[in-house]
Amino acid sequence: MANNTDLRYVRTNQMLCNAFTELLQKKEFEDITIDELCKKAFIRRATFYTHFLDKYDFFAYFIKQNGKTFSENWNEPEETKNIMNFSVHMFRETVRYLTEHRAMVQNILSSNAFSILLDILAEQIKTSLLNILNQYEVSPFPADIHPEIIASYYSGGIIQILRYWIASKKTITEEELIKQYSSLMNVFWME
């Protein structure tokens, strides 16, 4: 496999991600073929297999790349000063991303790949929270609670709330969902 700092490697993967995003706006994951993806990305099938094992391997890469790009917005200095504010900020950005990519999310939701998306998203959220928790000189949590447990708890809660919101066909508005999450965090952080 090529070095992921090689410009050809980066360009090929970006072209594949762009093509995949377009295809996911119109089709479910299972209906997208490697041939179709390669044709849309203007790459050869052999090139695809140089980079990825199969469509599922690429899908995991695609979600992680979206997560990396997305999480860059999570680490705003003001939001990282307080774990509660950071959690609300991260939740808000996640909801916005899901809303902006509604067609893609619906096509993933209706596919068998939905649980993979949630697992990868949960891991991204957990990693971001861990990074923030590790920046504190004095943890805002009791010393006997490991940061990994805290990050897992928060990421699991966020994922389950998002799952509920998406499954209920978004009967709660984006603003109301964020407001309710913020209120929930205020309850958790009350002393």
Protein backbone atom coordinates (compact mmCIF):
# COMPACT_ATOMS: atom_id res chain seq x y z
CA MET A 1 0.00 0.00 0.00
CA ALA A 2 1.22 3.49 -0.84
CA ASN A 3 2.37 6.03 1.68
CA ASN A 4 -0.57 8.21 2.67
CA THR A 5 1.58 11.35 2.39
CA ASP A 6 2.21 10.60 -1.30
CA LEU A 7 0.22 13.19 -3.29
CA ARG A 8 -0.99 10.57 -5.77
CA TYR A 9 -2.31 8.45 -2.92
CA VAL A 10 -4.03 11.45 -1.31
CA ARG A 11 -5.51 12.61 -4.63
CA THR A 12 -6.82 9.14 -5.51
CA ASN A 13 -8.44 8.72 -2.12
CA GLN A 14 -9.97 12.21 -2.31
CA MET A 15 -11.41 11.44 -5.75
CA LEU A 16 -12.86 8.19 -4.41
CA CYS A 17 -14.38 9.96 -1.38
CA ASN A 18 -15.92 12.67 -3.58
CA ALA A 19 -17.35 10.08 -5.95
CA PHE A 20 -18.64 7.98 -3.07
CA THR A 21 -20.34 11.01 -1.50
CA GLU A 22 -22.14 11.71 -4.79
CA LEU A 23 -23.19 8.09 -5.15
CA LEU A 24 -24.41 7.87 -1.55
CA GLN A 25 -26.63 10.88 -2.18
CA LYS A 26 -28.52 8.75 -4.72
CA LYS A 27 -28.07 5.12 -3.70
CA GLU A 28 -27.82 2.81 -0.74
CA PHE A 29 -24.39 1.48 0.16
CA GLU A 30 -25.18 -2.07 -1.00
CA ASP A 31 -26.21 -0.81 -4.45
CA ILE A 32 -22.91 0.94 -5.13
CA THR A 33 -20.43 -1.22 -7.03
CA ILE A 34 -16.65 -0.91 -7.15
CA ASP A 35 -16.86 -0.49 -10.94
CA GLU A 36 -19.32 2.36 -10.58
CA LEU A 37 -17.23 4.03 -7.89
CA CYS A 38 -14.05 3.75 -9.94
CA LYS A 39 -15.74 5.07 -13.07
CA LYS A 40 -17.13 8.09 -11.18
CA ALA A 41 -13.71 8.75 -9.56
CA PHE A 42 -11.87 8.33 -12.88
CA ILE A 43 -9.58 5.64 -11.55
CA ARG A 44 -8.89 2.07 -12.56
CA ARG A 45 -10.26 -0.83 -10.59
CA ALA A 46 -6.72 -2.07 -9.97
CA THR A 47 -5.88 1.27 -8.37
CA PHE A 48 -8.83 0.90 -6.02
CA TYR A 49 -7.58 -2.51 -4.92
CA THR A 50 -4.08 -1.10 -4.41
CA HIS A 51 -5.58 1.19 -1.77
CA PHE A 52 -8.39 -0.91 -0.29
CA LEU A 53 -9.29 -4.55 0.30
CA ASP A 54 -12.94 -4.16 -0.69
CA LYS A 55 -15.93 -1.83 -0.55
CA TYR A 56 -16.29 -2.25 3.23
CA ASP A 57 -12.64 -1.37 3.82
CA PHE A 58 -13.15 1.75 1.71
CA PHE A 59 -16.36 2.59 3.58
CA ALA A 60 -14.50 2.50 6.92
CA TYR A 61 -11.82 4.78 5.44
CA PHE A 62 -14.51 7.11 4.05
CA ILE A 63 -16.22 7.44 7.44
CA LYS A 64 -12.91 8.00 9.23
CA GLN A 65 -11.91 10.68 6.72
CA ASN A 66 -15.24 12.44 7.17
CA GLY A 67 -14.76 12.13 10.92
CA LYS A 68 -11.29 13.68 10.77
CA THR A 69 -12.49 16.60 8.69
CA PHE A 70 -15.54 16.97 10.88
CA SER A 71 -13.66 16.75 14.19
CA GLU A 72 -11.37 19.63 13.19
CA ASN A 73 -14.36 21.85 14.03
CA TRP A 74 -14.72 20.23 17.45
CA ASN A 75 -11.44 21.46 18.84
CA GLU A 76 -12.18 25.15 19.00
CA PRO A 77 -10.18 26.70 21.87
CA GLU A 78 -13.18 28.26 23.68
CA GLU A 79 -15.11 25.00 23.60
CA THR A 80 -12.26 22.91 24.99
CA LYS A 81 -11.92 24.92 28.20
CA ASN A 82 -14.95 23.23 29.73
CA ILE A 83 -15.89 19.58 29.16
CA MET A 84 -19.61 20.34 29.32
CA ASN A 85 -19.35 23.12 26.71
CA PHE A 86 -17.18 20.87 24.57
CA SER A 87 -19.71 18.04 24.75
CA VAL A 88 -22.58 20.34 23.74
CA HIS A 89 -20.47 21.88 20.96
CA MET A 90 -19.54 18.44 19.64
CA PHE A 91 -23.16 17.30 19.75
CA ARG A 92 -24.29 20.44 17.90
CA GLU A 93 -21.69 19.93 15.18
CA THR A 94 -22.66 16.25 14.81
CA VAL A 95 -26.34 17.13 14.41
CA ARG A 96 -25.49 19.83 11.85
CA TYR A 97 -23.36 17.40 9.87
CA LEU A 98 -26.12 14.79 9.83
CA THR A 99 -28.67 17.42 8.75
CA GLU A 100 -26.43 18.81 5.99
CA HIS A 101 -25.82 15.31 4.63
CA ARG A 102 -29.41 14.12 5.01
CA ALA A 103 -29.67 12.15 1.74
CA MET A 104 -26.37 10.38 2.37
CA VAL A 105 -27.35 9.61 5.99
CA GLN A 106 -30.73 8.23 4.88
CA ASN A 107 -29.06 5.97 2.32
CA ILE A 108 -26.60 4.73 4.92
CA LEU A 109 -29.37 4.38 7.51
CA SER A 110 -31.39 2.14 5.22
CA SER A 111 -28.37 -0.03 4.43
CA ASN A 112 -26.73 -2.81 6.39
CA ALA A 113 -23.72 -0.51 6.90
CA PHE A 114 -25.53 1.70 9.42
CA SER A 115 -24.09 -0.06 12.47
CA ILE A 116 -20.59 0.37 11.02
CA LEU A 117 -21.22 4.12 10.68
CA LEU A 118 -22.37 4.38 14.29
CA ASP A 119 -19.37 2.40 15.57
CA ILE A 120 -16.90 4.55 13.67
CA LEU A 121 -18.69 7.75 14.67
CA ALA A 122 -18.71 6.65 18.33
CA GLU A 123 -14.98 5.97 18.13
CA GLN A 124 -14.35 9.43 16.64
CA ILE A 125 -16.38 11.10 19.40
CA LYS A 126 -14.64 9.04 22.08
CA THR A 127 -11.19 9.90 20.70
CA SER A 128 -12.02 13.63 20.58
CA LEU A 129 -13.31 13.57 24.15
CA LEU A 130 -10.25 11.65 25.34
CA ASN A 131 -7.99 14.23 23.73
CA ILE A 132 -9.80 16.99 25.61
CA LEU A 133 -9.82 15.09 28.91
CA ASN A 134 -6.08 14.47 28.61
CA GLN A 135 -5.48 18.23 28.29
CA TYR A 136 -6.77 18.92 31.80
CA GLU A 137 -4.11 19.26 34.46
CA VAL A 138 -6.76 18.54 37.06
CA SER A 139 -9.60 16.37 35.82
CA PRO A 140 -13.14 17.66 36.35
CA PHE A 141 -14.04 14.06 37.26
CA PRO A 142 -13.16 12.01 40.34
CA ALA A 143 -9.63 10.60 40.10
CA ASP A 144 -10.83 7.00 40.33
CA ILE A 145 -12.79 7.27 37.04
CA HIS A 146 -10.53 6.51 34.08
CA PRO A 147 -10.80 9.02 31.18
CA GLU A 148 -11.47 6.13 28.76
CA ILE A 149 -14.60 5.23 30.76
CA ILE A 150 -15.78 8.85 30.76
CA ALA A 151 -15.23 9.23 27.00
CA SER A 152 -16.97 5.91 26.31
CA TYR A 153 -19.94 6.96 28.44
CA TYR A 154 -20.35 10.28 26.66
CA SER A 155 -19.86 8.89 23.16
CA GLY A 156 -22.37 6.10 23.83
CA GLY A 157 -24.93 8.61 25.04
CA ILE A 158 -24.45 10.85 22.04
CA ILE A 159 -24.77 7.94 19.62
CA GLN A 160 -27.94 6.64 21.27
CA ILE A 161 -29.56 10.09 21.23
CA LEU A 162 -28.67 10.49 17.54
CA ARG A 163 -29.97 6.99 16.78
CA TYR A 164 -33.27 7.88 18.50
CA TRP A 165 -33.49 11.19 16.61
CA ILE A 166 -32.82 9.64 13.21
CA ALA A 167 -35.06 6.61 13.82
CA SER A 168 -37.94 8.83 14.99
CA LYS A 169 -37.69 10.58 11.62
CA LYS A 170 -36.47 13.72 13.34
CA THR A 171 -39.80 14.56 15.01
CA ILE A 172 -37.78 16.89 17.23
CA THR A 173 -36.21 19.83 15.43
CA GLU A 174 -32.44 20.19 15.26
CA GLU A 175 -32.57 23.21 17.58
CA GLU A 176 -34.81 21.44 20.12
CA LEU A 177 -32.59 18.35 20.11
CA ILE A 178 -29.49 20.48 20.81
CA LYS A 179 -31.38 22.39 23.51
CA GLN A 180 -32.46 19.14 25.19
CA TYR A 181 -28.93 17.74 25.04
CA SER A 182 -27.58 20.94 26.57
CA SER A 183 -30.19 20.74 29.37
CA LEU A 184 -29.22 17.13 29.98
CA MET A 185 -25.57 18.10 30.28
CA ASN A 186 -26.51 20.88 32.72
CA VAL A 187 -28.26 18.28 34.92
CA PHE A 188 -25.17 16.03 34.83
CA TRP A 189 -22.87 18.91 35.74
CA MET A 190 -24.93 20.35 38.58
CA GLU A 191 -23.14 20.15 41.86
